[in-house]
N, C-alpha and C. Protein backbone atom coordinates (compact mmCIF):
# COMPACT_ATOMS: atom_id res chain seq x y z
N UNK A 1 -9.71 -4.74 -11.10
CA UNK A 1 -10.24 -3.80 -12.14
C UNK A 1 -10.32 -2.41 -11.62
N UNK A 2 -9.91 -1.50 -12.44
CA UNK A 2 -9.99 -0.07 -12.05
C UNK A 2 -11.30 0.59 -12.56
N UNK A 3 -11.98 1.26 -11.65
CA UNK A 3 -13.09 1.99 -11.99
C UNK A 3 -12.90 3.46 -11.74
N UNK A 4 -13.66 4.23 -12.46
CA UNK A 4 -13.56 5.69 -12.37
C UNK A 4 -14.98 6.32 -12.49
N UNK A 5 -15.19 7.41 -11.90
CA UNK A 5 -16.47 8.10 -11.88
C UNK A 5 -16.63 8.82 -13.31
N UNK A 6 -17.74 8.79 -13.85
CA UNK A 6 -18.03 9.36 -15.15
C UNK A 6 -19.29 10.21 -15.00
N UNK A 7 -19.45 11.33 -15.52
CA UNK A 7 -20.56 12.21 -15.39
C UNK A 7 -20.62 12.91 -13.98
N UNK A 8 -21.57 13.65 -13.68
CA UNK A 8 -21.69 14.31 -12.46
C UNK A 8 -23.07 14.29 -11.86
N UNK A 9 -23.20 14.55 -10.58
CA UNK A 9 -24.55 14.63 -9.97
C UNK A 9 -25.33 13.31 -10.06
N UNK A 10 -26.64 13.38 -10.42
CA UNK A 10 -27.50 12.19 -10.35
C UNK A 10 -27.05 11.26 -11.56
N UNK A 11 -26.43 11.73 -12.54
CA UNK A 11 -26.07 10.90 -13.62
C UNK A 11 -24.68 10.18 -13.36
N UNK A 12 -24.10 10.41 -12.20
CA UNK A 12 -22.64 9.86 -11.95
C UNK A 12 -22.80 8.32 -11.96
N UNK A 13 -21.73 7.76 -12.51
CA UNK A 13 -21.71 6.27 -12.54
C UNK A 13 -20.23 5.86 -12.43
N UNK A 14 -20.04 4.62 -12.02
CA UNK A 14 -18.67 4.07 -11.99
C UNK A 14 -18.53 3.28 -13.29
N UNK A 15 -17.45 3.48 -13.94
CA UNK A 15 -17.19 2.64 -15.18
C UNK A 15 -16.07 1.71 -14.95
N UNK A 16 -16.16 0.50 -15.51
CA UNK A 16 -15.15 -0.50 -15.38
C UNK A 16 -14.16 -0.28 -16.63
N UNK A 17 -13.08 0.31 -16.38
CA UNK A 17 -12.09 0.65 -17.46
C UNK A 17 -11.53 -0.55 -18.09
N UNK A 18 -11.39 -1.66 -17.39
CA UNK A 18 -10.98 -2.91 -18.02
C UNK A 18 -11.91 -3.37 -19.13
N UNK A 19 -13.20 -3.36 -18.89
CA UNK A 19 -14.16 -3.67 -19.97
C UNK A 19 -14.25 -2.61 -21.07
N UNK A 20 -14.12 -1.38 -20.65
CA UNK A 20 -14.01 -0.26 -21.55
C UNK A 20 -12.82 -0.42 -22.54
N UNK A 21 -11.67 -0.78 -21.98
CA UNK A 21 -10.46 -1.00 -22.80
C UNK A 21 -10.67 -2.15 -23.75
N UNK A 22 -11.31 -3.22 -23.37
CA UNK A 22 -11.43 -4.38 -24.18
C UNK A 22 -12.59 -4.08 -25.32
N UNK A 23 -13.54 -3.33 -24.97
CA UNK A 23 -14.55 -2.90 -26.06
C UNK A 23 -13.89 -2.03 -26.98
N UNK A 24 -13.07 -1.02 -26.48
CA UNK A 24 -12.43 -0.07 -27.41
C UNK A 24 -11.46 -0.88 -28.37
N UNK A 25 -10.77 -1.87 -27.87
CA UNK A 25 -9.89 -2.61 -28.63
C UNK A 25 -10.65 -3.37 -29.69
N UNK A 26 -11.77 -3.90 -29.46
CA UNK A 26 -12.75 -4.52 -30.33
C UNK A 26 -13.17 -3.69 -31.41
N UNK A 27 -13.62 -2.51 -31.04
CA UNK A 27 -14.03 -1.46 -32.01
C UNK A 27 -12.94 -1.01 -32.91
N UNK A 28 -11.72 -0.77 -32.35
CA UNK A 28 -10.62 -0.39 -33.11
C UNK A 28 -10.28 -1.49 -34.26
N UNK A 29 -10.47 -2.73 -33.85
CA UNK A 29 -10.12 -3.79 -34.80
C UNK A 29 -10.97 -3.76 -36.01
N UNK A 30 -12.14 -3.15 -35.97
CA UNK A 30 -13.05 -2.94 -37.16
C UNK A 30 -12.42 -2.10 -38.15
N UNK A 31 -11.43 -1.32 -37.87
CA UNK A 31 -10.74 -0.43 -38.91
C UNK A 31 -9.33 -0.99 -39.21
N UNK A 32 -9.08 -2.25 -38.97
CA UNK A 32 -7.83 -2.84 -39.30
C UNK A 32 -7.51 -2.80 -40.81
N UNK A 33 -6.19 -2.34 -41.03
CA UNK A 33 -5.68 -2.26 -42.40
C UNK A 33 -4.27 -2.33 -42.34
N UNK A 34 -3.63 -2.65 -43.51
CA UNK A 34 -2.14 -2.80 -43.72
C UNK A 34 -1.62 -3.79 -42.60
N UNK A 35 -2.24 -4.96 -42.35
CA UNK A 35 -1.87 -5.95 -41.42
C UNK A 35 -2.21 -5.72 -39.99
N UNK A 36 -1.68 -4.63 -39.36
CA UNK A 36 -1.91 -4.50 -37.95
C UNK A 36 -2.29 -3.08 -37.66
N UNK A 37 -2.49 -2.21 -38.59
CA UNK A 37 -2.78 -0.86 -38.33
C UNK A 37 -4.33 -0.59 -38.04
N UNK A 38 -4.63 0.26 -37.14
CA UNK A 38 -5.95 0.57 -36.93
C UNK A 38 -6.06 2.10 -36.77
N UNK A 39 -7.16 2.74 -37.17
CA UNK A 39 -7.26 4.19 -37.06
C UNK A 39 -7.41 4.58 -35.65
N UNK A 40 -6.69 5.65 -35.19
CA UNK A 40 -6.61 6.04 -33.82
C UNK A 40 -7.57 7.11 -33.32
N UNK A 41 -8.77 7.11 -33.79
CA UNK A 41 -9.79 8.05 -33.43
C UNK A 41 -10.51 7.65 -32.09
N UNK A 42 -9.73 7.44 -31.04
CA UNK A 42 -10.37 7.07 -29.79
C UNK A 42 -9.65 7.86 -28.66
N UNK A 43 -10.31 7.94 -27.56
CA UNK A 43 -9.76 8.68 -26.45
C UNK A 43 -8.34 8.36 -26.19
N UNK A 44 -7.41 9.34 -25.89
CA UNK A 44 -5.99 9.12 -25.66
C UNK A 44 -5.73 8.41 -24.38
N UNK A 45 -6.56 8.56 -23.33
CA UNK A 45 -6.31 7.88 -22.12
C UNK A 45 -6.60 6.35 -22.32
N UNK A 46 -7.45 6.04 -23.24
CA UNK A 46 -7.66 4.60 -23.53
C UNK A 46 -6.49 4.01 -24.37
N UNK A 47 -5.93 4.80 -25.35
CA UNK A 47 -4.89 4.26 -26.06
C UNK A 47 -3.64 4.24 -25.25
N UNK A 48 -3.47 5.10 -24.28
CA UNK A 48 -2.37 5.03 -23.36
C UNK A 48 -2.46 3.72 -22.52
N UNK A 49 -3.60 3.43 -22.05
CA UNK A 49 -3.74 2.19 -21.22
C UNK A 49 -3.56 0.94 -22.08
N UNK A 50 -4.04 0.98 -23.32
CA UNK A 50 -3.82 -0.20 -24.23
C UNK A 50 -2.33 -0.32 -24.48
N UNK A 51 -1.65 0.77 -24.56
CA UNK A 51 -0.15 0.73 -24.74
C UNK A 51 0.48 0.13 -23.49
N UNK A 52 0.10 0.56 -22.33
CA UNK A 52 0.61 0.09 -21.08
C UNK A 52 0.39 -1.43 -20.94
N UNK A 53 -0.68 -1.94 -21.51
CA UNK A 53 -0.98 -3.32 -21.40
C UNK A 53 -0.27 -4.14 -22.50
N UNK A 54 0.40 -3.50 -23.38
CA UNK A 54 1.09 -4.19 -24.49
C UNK A 54 0.28 -4.53 -25.70
N UNK A 55 -0.92 -3.87 -25.88
CA UNK A 55 -1.82 -4.25 -26.95
C UNK A 55 -1.47 -3.46 -28.16
N UNK A 56 -0.99 -2.17 -28.01
CA UNK A 56 -0.63 -1.34 -29.16
C UNK A 56 0.86 -0.77 -28.88
N UNK A 57 1.50 -0.60 -29.97
CA UNK A 57 2.79 0.08 -30.02
C UNK A 57 2.58 1.57 -29.57
N UNK A 58 3.63 2.23 -29.24
CA UNK A 58 3.58 3.61 -28.68
C UNK A 58 2.63 4.45 -29.56
N UNK A 59 1.57 4.96 -28.91
CA UNK A 59 0.53 5.70 -29.61
C UNK A 59 0.91 7.17 -29.89
N UNK A 60 1.99 7.64 -29.25
CA UNK A 60 2.44 9.04 -29.38
C UNK A 60 3.05 9.32 -30.71
N UNK A 61 2.59 10.33 -31.39
CA UNK A 61 3.14 10.69 -32.64
C UNK A 61 2.09 11.31 -33.61
N UNK A 62 2.59 11.66 -34.79
CA UNK A 62 1.65 12.31 -35.72
C UNK A 62 0.80 11.35 -36.62
N UNK A 63 1.13 10.06 -36.54
CA UNK A 63 0.43 9.12 -37.31
C UNK A 63 -1.02 9.05 -36.87
N UNK A 64 -2.00 8.82 -37.83
CA UNK A 64 -3.34 8.75 -37.52
C UNK A 64 -3.85 7.46 -37.24
N UNK A 65 -2.84 6.50 -37.16
CA UNK A 65 -3.25 5.08 -36.91
C UNK A 65 -2.28 4.51 -35.79
N UNK A 66 -2.80 3.42 -35.17
CA UNK A 66 -2.02 2.75 -34.19
C UNK A 66 -1.51 1.34 -34.81
N UNK A 67 -0.56 0.79 -34.24
CA UNK A 67 -0.14 -0.60 -34.63
C UNK A 67 -0.44 -1.57 -33.52
N UNK A 68 -1.16 -2.61 -33.73
CA UNK A 68 -1.54 -3.55 -32.81
C UNK A 68 -0.31 -4.47 -32.58
N UNK A 69 -0.03 -4.95 -31.39
CA UNK A 69 1.01 -6.00 -31.17
C UNK A 69 0.27 -7.32 -31.42
N UNK A 70 1.06 -8.38 -31.44
CA UNK A 70 0.47 -9.70 -31.54
C UNK A 70 -0.62 -9.99 -30.47
N UNK A 71 -0.25 -9.59 -29.24
CA UNK A 71 -1.25 -9.77 -28.12
C UNK A 71 -2.46 -8.82 -28.29
N UNK A 72 -2.20 -7.58 -28.85
CA UNK A 72 -3.33 -6.79 -29.15
C UNK A 72 -4.24 -7.29 -30.14
N UNK A 73 -3.71 -7.87 -31.23
CA UNK A 73 -4.53 -8.45 -32.29
C UNK A 73 -5.33 -9.55 -31.68
N UNK A 74 -4.76 -10.42 -31.00
CA UNK A 74 -5.45 -11.58 -30.36
C UNK A 74 -6.60 -11.11 -29.44
N UNK A 75 -6.25 -10.13 -28.56
CA UNK A 75 -7.20 -9.59 -27.59
C UNK A 75 -8.40 -8.90 -28.33
N UNK A 76 -8.10 -8.16 -29.40
CA UNK A 76 -9.07 -7.49 -30.12
C UNK A 76 -10.12 -8.54 -30.78
N UNK A 77 -9.54 -9.53 -31.29
CA UNK A 77 -10.49 -10.63 -31.97
C UNK A 77 -11.32 -11.24 -30.76
N UNK A 78 -10.72 -11.54 -29.69
CA UNK A 78 -11.48 -12.14 -28.59
C UNK A 78 -12.57 -11.20 -28.05
N UNK A 79 -12.20 -9.88 -27.84
CA UNK A 79 -13.18 -8.97 -27.32
C UNK A 79 -14.25 -8.70 -28.35
N UNK A 80 -13.97 -8.66 -29.62
CA UNK A 80 -14.96 -8.49 -30.73
C UNK A 80 -15.95 -9.63 -30.66
N UNK A 81 -15.46 -10.77 -30.53
CA UNK A 81 -16.41 -11.99 -30.45
C UNK A 81 -17.18 -11.90 -29.08
N UNK A 82 -16.53 -11.54 -27.97
CA UNK A 82 -17.19 -11.57 -26.73
C UNK A 82 -18.32 -10.57 -26.58
N UNK A 83 -18.06 -9.27 -27.04
CA UNK A 83 -19.01 -8.18 -26.84
C UNK A 83 -19.99 -8.04 -28.00
N UNK A 84 -19.67 -8.50 -29.19
CA UNK A 84 -20.49 -8.16 -30.35
C UNK A 84 -20.90 -9.29 -31.28
N UNK A 85 -20.47 -10.52 -31.00
CA UNK A 85 -20.84 -11.59 -31.94
C UNK A 85 -22.24 -12.03 -31.64
N UNK A 86 -22.92 -12.42 -32.71
CA UNK A 86 -24.28 -12.87 -32.58
C UNK A 86 -24.39 -14.40 -32.56
N UNK A 87 -23.21 -15.06 -32.77
CA UNK A 87 -23.17 -16.45 -32.76
C UNK A 87 -22.51 -17.09 -31.61
């Protein structure tokens, strides 16, 4: 898992980008429309990592939405259940 430093000084913390990406994918899935499209209002470094992992098609472009791959849709459903399900 890759971690990176976030904030500065006393508030500095290491972030688990693997968990961050999975949570972002889960949240993106809440905007699912037109089959596999999700609104792309999320940090570009995250969308780039999701693309590198094969979860979304190329995020570069003028479109305001992303297209999830089959793997991305499955991972989004699993992450949504893991992080946010109450059952």
